[in-house]
Amino acid sequence: MNYSGRPFTQSINENVKLKRMLMLMFFVATCVIFDVSEDLRDALELVPFPNLEFQKTVIACLVADFIICFSIEQLMKTLYLRTFQ
C-alpha cells in the first residue's frame, strides 16, 4: 500500500529535486521533439519528426498526460479524505 501524505510522501513543490528533474526531462523532450539540437538527436540516435503538426500533437499529448494524471491524483486524494474523515 502506498501511504499518501506526511511523512511518507511530499508534494512536488516540496520535493525540489523531483520538480527540477521533471522540468529538465520535459525540456529535453521538447528539445528533441522540435529538433533544437541535431547533436542531441544524433546522440540519442533519433530520427526527426515528419512535420510540425505531428510535433505539436506529441507535445499536446505530453502536457495532457501530465495534467490528467495530476488531476486524477488530486481528485482521488479529495475523495479519500472526504470518505475517511
N, C-alpha and C. Protein backbone atom coordinates (compact mmCIF):
# COMPACT_ATOMS: atom_id res chain seq x y z
N MET A 1 0.85 -1.18 0.00
CA MET A 1 0.00 0.00 0.00
C MET A 1 0.88 1.22 0.00
N ASN A 2 0.56 2.17 -0.85
CA ASN A 2 1.27 3.45 -0.86
C ASN A 2 0.53 4.42 0.04
N TYR A 3 1.20 4.85 1.09
CA TYR A 3 0.60 5.80 2.00
C TYR A 3 0.77 7.20 1.44
N SER A 4 -0.26 7.99 1.52
CA SER A 4 -0.23 9.33 0.99
C SER A 4 -0.14 10.33 2.13
N GLY A 5 0.60 11.37 1.93
CA GLY A 5 0.71 12.40 2.95
C GLY A 5 1.95 12.25 3.80
N ARG A 6 2.12 13.14 4.72
CA ARG A 6 3.29 13.17 5.58
C ARG A 6 3.28 11.99 6.52
N PRO A 7 4.35 11.41 6.89
CA PRO A 7 5.73 11.65 6.47
C PRO A 7 6.15 10.80 5.28
N PHE A 8 5.20 10.12 4.64
CA PHE A 8 5.54 9.16 3.59
C PHE A 8 5.82 9.82 2.25
N THR A 9 5.05 10.79 1.86
CA THR A 9 5.25 11.45 0.57
C THR A 9 5.21 12.96 0.74
N GLN A 10 5.79 13.65 -0.24
CA GLN A 10 5.78 15.11 -0.27
C GLN A 10 5.10 15.54 -1.55
N SER A 11 4.64 16.80 -1.54
CA SER A 11 4.10 17.34 -2.79
C SER A 11 5.27 17.67 -3.71
N ILE A 12 4.98 17.85 -4.98
CA ILE A 12 6.03 18.17 -5.94
C ILE A 12 6.68 19.51 -5.59
N ASN A 13 5.93 20.44 -5.07
CA ASN A 13 6.50 21.74 -4.70
C ASN A 13 7.49 21.61 -3.55
N GLU A 14 7.29 20.67 -2.66
CA GLU A 14 8.21 20.46 -1.54
C GLU A 14 9.44 19.66 -1.95
N ASN A 15 9.30 18.78 -2.92
CA ASN A 15 10.41 17.94 -3.36
C ASN A 15 11.11 18.65 -4.53
N VAL A 16 12.09 19.48 -4.18
CA VAL A 16 12.74 20.33 -5.18
C VAL A 16 13.49 19.51 -6.22
N LYS A 17 14.17 18.45 -5.81
CA LYS A 17 14.93 17.63 -6.75
C LYS A 17 14.02 16.98 -7.79
N LEU A 18 12.90 16.43 -7.34
CA LEU A 18 11.95 15.82 -8.26
C LEU A 18 11.36 16.86 -9.21
N LYS A 19 11.03 18.01 -8.68
CA LYS A 19 10.45 19.08 -9.51
C LYS A 19 11.44 19.52 -10.59
N ARG A 20 12.70 19.70 -10.21
CA ARG A 20 13.71 20.11 -11.19
C ARG A 20 13.94 19.02 -12.23
N MET A 21 13.94 17.77 -11.81
CA MET A 21 14.15 16.66 -12.75
C MET A 21 12.99 16.56 -13.74
N LEU A 22 11.77 16.74 -13.27
CA LEU A 22 10.61 16.72 -14.16
C LEU A 22 10.69 17.85 -15.18
N MET A 23 11.08 19.03 -14.72
CA MET A 23 11.21 20.16 -15.65
C MET A 23 12.33 19.91 -16.65
N LEU A 24 13.44 19.34 -16.20
CA LEU A 24 14.55 19.03 -17.10
C LEU A 24 14.13 18.00 -18.15
N MET A 25 13.44 16.96 -17.73
CA MET A 25 13.00 15.92 -18.66
C MET A 25 12.02 16.47 -19.68
N PHE A 26 11.11 17.34 -19.24
CA PHE A 26 10.17 17.95 -20.18
C PHE A 26 10.91 18.85 -21.16
N PHE A 27 11.92 19.59 -20.67
CA PHE A 27 12.71 20.46 -21.52
C PHE A 27 13.48 19.65 -22.57
N VAL A 28 14.11 18.55 -22.14
CA VAL A 28 14.86 17.70 -23.08
C VAL A 28 13.91 17.09 -24.11
N ALA A 29 12.75 16.62 -23.66
CA ALA A 29 11.77 16.05 -24.59
C ALA A 29 11.32 17.09 -25.60
N THR A 30 11.09 18.32 -25.15
CA THR A 30 10.69 19.39 -26.06
C THR A 30 11.79 19.69 -27.07
N CYS A 31 13.04 19.74 -26.59
CA CYS A 31 14.17 19.99 -27.50
C CYS A 31 14.30 18.89 -28.55
N VAL A 32 14.10 17.65 -28.14
CA VAL A 32 14.19 16.54 -29.08
C VAL A 32 13.04 16.58 -30.08
N ILE A 33 11.84 16.85 -29.58
CA ILE A 33 10.66 16.85 -30.45
C ILE A 33 10.76 17.95 -31.50
N PHE A 34 11.18 19.15 -31.09
CA PHE A 34 11.25 20.27 -32.03
C PHE A 34 12.61 20.38 -32.71
N ASP A 35 13.45 19.38 -32.53
CA ASP A 35 14.73 19.28 -33.23
C ASP A 35 15.59 20.53 -33.04
N VAL A 36 15.72 20.96 -31.78
CA VAL A 36 16.50 22.14 -31.45
C VAL A 36 17.99 21.88 -31.70
N SER A 37 18.45 20.69 -31.34
CA SER A 37 19.86 20.37 -31.48
C SER A 37 20.02 19.05 -32.25
N GLU A 38 20.69 19.14 -33.38
CA GLU A 38 20.95 17.92 -34.14
C GLU A 38 21.92 17.01 -33.39
N ASP A 39 22.84 17.61 -32.62
CA ASP A 39 23.80 16.82 -31.84
C ASP A 39 23.09 15.96 -30.80
N LEU A 40 22.09 16.54 -30.13
CA LEU A 40 21.32 15.79 -29.13
C LEU A 40 20.55 14.66 -29.80
N ARG A 41 19.92 14.97 -30.92
CA ARG A 41 19.16 13.94 -31.65
C ARG A 41 20.08 12.82 -32.12
N ASP A 42 21.25 13.18 -32.61
CA ASP A 42 22.21 12.16 -33.06
C ASP A 42 22.75 11.34 -31.89
N ALA A 43 22.99 12.00 -30.76
CA ALA A 43 23.49 11.29 -29.57
C ALA A 43 22.47 10.27 -29.09
N LEU A 44 21.19 10.62 -29.19
CA LEU A 44 20.13 9.69 -28.77
C LEU A 44 19.70 8.76 -29.90
N GLU A 45 20.32 8.92 -31.08
CA GLU A 45 20.04 8.10 -32.26
C GLU A 45 18.56 8.12 -32.64
N LEU A 46 18.01 9.33 -32.73
CA LEU A 46 16.62 9.53 -33.09
C LEU A 46 16.52 10.11 -34.49
N VAL A 47 15.43 9.83 -35.15
CA VAL A 47 15.17 10.43 -36.45
C VAL A 47 14.26 11.64 -36.25
N PRO A 48 14.33 12.63 -37.13
CA PRO A 48 13.47 13.81 -36.96
C PRO A 48 11.99 13.46 -37.14
N PHE A 49 11.14 14.24 -36.49
CA PHE A 49 9.71 14.07 -36.66
C PHE A 49 9.31 14.52 -38.07
N PRO A 50 8.25 13.94 -38.63
CA PRO A 50 7.92 14.21 -40.03
C PRO A 50 7.49 15.64 -40.32
N ASN A 51 6.70 16.26 -39.43
CA ASN A 51 6.24 17.62 -39.72
C ASN A 51 5.89 18.35 -38.42
N LEU A 52 5.63 19.64 -38.52
CA LEU A 52 5.34 20.48 -37.36
C LEU A 52 4.03 20.07 -36.68
N GLU A 53 3.04 19.69 -37.45
CA GLU A 53 1.75 19.28 -36.87
C GLU A 53 1.92 18.06 -35.96
N PHE A 54 2.71 17.11 -36.38
CA PHE A 54 2.96 15.92 -35.56
C PHE A 54 3.71 16.30 -34.29
N GLN A 55 4.66 17.21 -34.39
CA GLN A 55 5.40 17.67 -33.22
C GLN A 55 4.47 18.32 -32.20
N LYS A 56 3.58 19.16 -32.69
CA LYS A 56 2.61 19.82 -31.79
C LYS A 56 1.69 18.80 -31.14
N THR A 57 1.31 17.77 -31.89
CA THR A 57 0.44 16.73 -31.34
C THR A 57 1.14 15.97 -30.21
N VAL A 58 2.41 15.65 -30.40
CA VAL A 58 3.17 14.93 -29.37
C VAL A 58 3.30 15.78 -28.11
N ILE A 59 3.64 17.05 -28.27
CA ILE A 59 3.75 17.95 -27.11
C ILE A 59 2.41 18.08 -26.40
N ALA A 60 1.33 18.20 -27.15
CA ALA A 60 -0.01 18.31 -26.56
C ALA A 60 -0.34 17.05 -25.77
N CYS A 61 0.05 15.89 -26.27
CA CYS A 61 -0.18 14.63 -25.55
C CYS A 61 0.63 14.58 -24.25
N LEU A 62 1.86 15.05 -24.28
CA LEU A 62 2.68 15.07 -23.07
C LEU A 62 2.07 15.98 -22.00
N VAL A 63 1.66 17.16 -22.42
CA VAL A 63 1.05 18.11 -21.48
C VAL A 63 -0.28 17.57 -20.95
N ALA A 64 -1.09 17.03 -21.83
CA ALA A 64 -2.38 16.48 -21.41
C ALA A 64 -2.19 15.31 -20.45
N ASP A 65 -1.21 14.47 -20.71
CA ASP A 65 -0.93 13.34 -19.82
C ASP A 65 -0.57 13.82 -18.43
N PHE A 66 0.28 14.83 -18.34
CA PHE A 66 0.66 15.37 -17.03
C PHE A 66 -0.54 15.97 -16.31
N ILE A 67 -1.31 16.77 -17.02
CA ILE A 67 -2.46 17.44 -16.40
C ILE A 67 -3.51 16.42 -15.95
N ILE A 68 -3.80 15.43 -16.77
CA ILE A 68 -4.80 14.42 -16.43
C ILE A 68 -4.35 13.60 -15.22
N CYS A 69 -3.10 13.16 -15.22
CA CYS A 69 -2.59 12.38 -14.08
C CYS A 69 -2.62 13.18 -12.79
N PHE A 70 -2.19 14.43 -12.86
CA PHE A 70 -2.19 15.29 -11.68
C PHE A 70 -3.62 15.52 -11.18
N SER A 71 -4.55 15.75 -12.10
CA SER A 71 -5.94 15.99 -11.73
C SER A 71 -6.58 14.76 -11.09
N ILE A 72 -6.31 13.59 -11.65
CA ILE A 72 -6.86 12.36 -11.08
C ILE A 72 -6.32 12.13 -9.67
N GLU A 73 -5.02 12.38 -9.50
CA GLU A 73 -4.43 12.20 -8.17
C GLU A 73 -5.07 13.15 -7.15
N GLN A 74 -5.26 14.40 -7.53
CA GLN A 74 -5.88 15.36 -6.62
C GLN A 74 -7.33 14.98 -6.32
N LEU A 75 -8.05 14.53 -7.33
CA LEU A 75 -9.44 14.11 -7.13
C LEU A 75 -9.51 12.92 -6.17
N MET A 76 -8.65 11.94 -6.37
CA MET A 76 -8.66 10.76 -5.50
C MET A 76 -8.29 11.12 -4.06
N LYS A 77 -7.33 12.02 -3.89
CA LYS A 77 -6.98 12.46 -2.54
C LYS A 77 -8.16 13.15 -1.87
N THR A 78 -8.84 14.01 -2.63
CA THR A 78 -10.00 14.72 -2.09
C THR A 78 -11.11 13.74 -1.70
N LEU A 79 -11.42 12.80 -2.58
CA LEU A 79 -12.47 11.81 -2.28
C LEU A 79 -12.07 10.92 -1.11
N TYR A 80 -10.81 10.52 -1.05
CA TYR A 80 -10.32 9.66 0.03
C TYR A 80 -10.42 10.39 1.36
N LEU A 81 -9.98 11.64 1.41
CA LEU A 81 -10.03 12.39 2.66
C LEU A 81 -11.45 12.66 3.09
N ARG A 82 -12.34 12.91 2.12
CA ARG A 82 -13.74 13.16 2.46
C ARG A 82 -14.41 11.89 2.99
N THR A 83 -14.03 10.73 2.45
CA THR A 83 -14.64 9.47 2.84
C THR A 83 -14.20 9.02 4.23
N PHE A 84 -12.93 9.19 4.54
CA PHE A 84 -12.39 8.61 5.76
C PHE A 84 -12.14 9.62 6.86
N GLN A 85 -12.77 10.78 6.80
CA GLN A 85 -12.63 11.73 7.92
C GLN A 85 -13.96 11.98 8.56
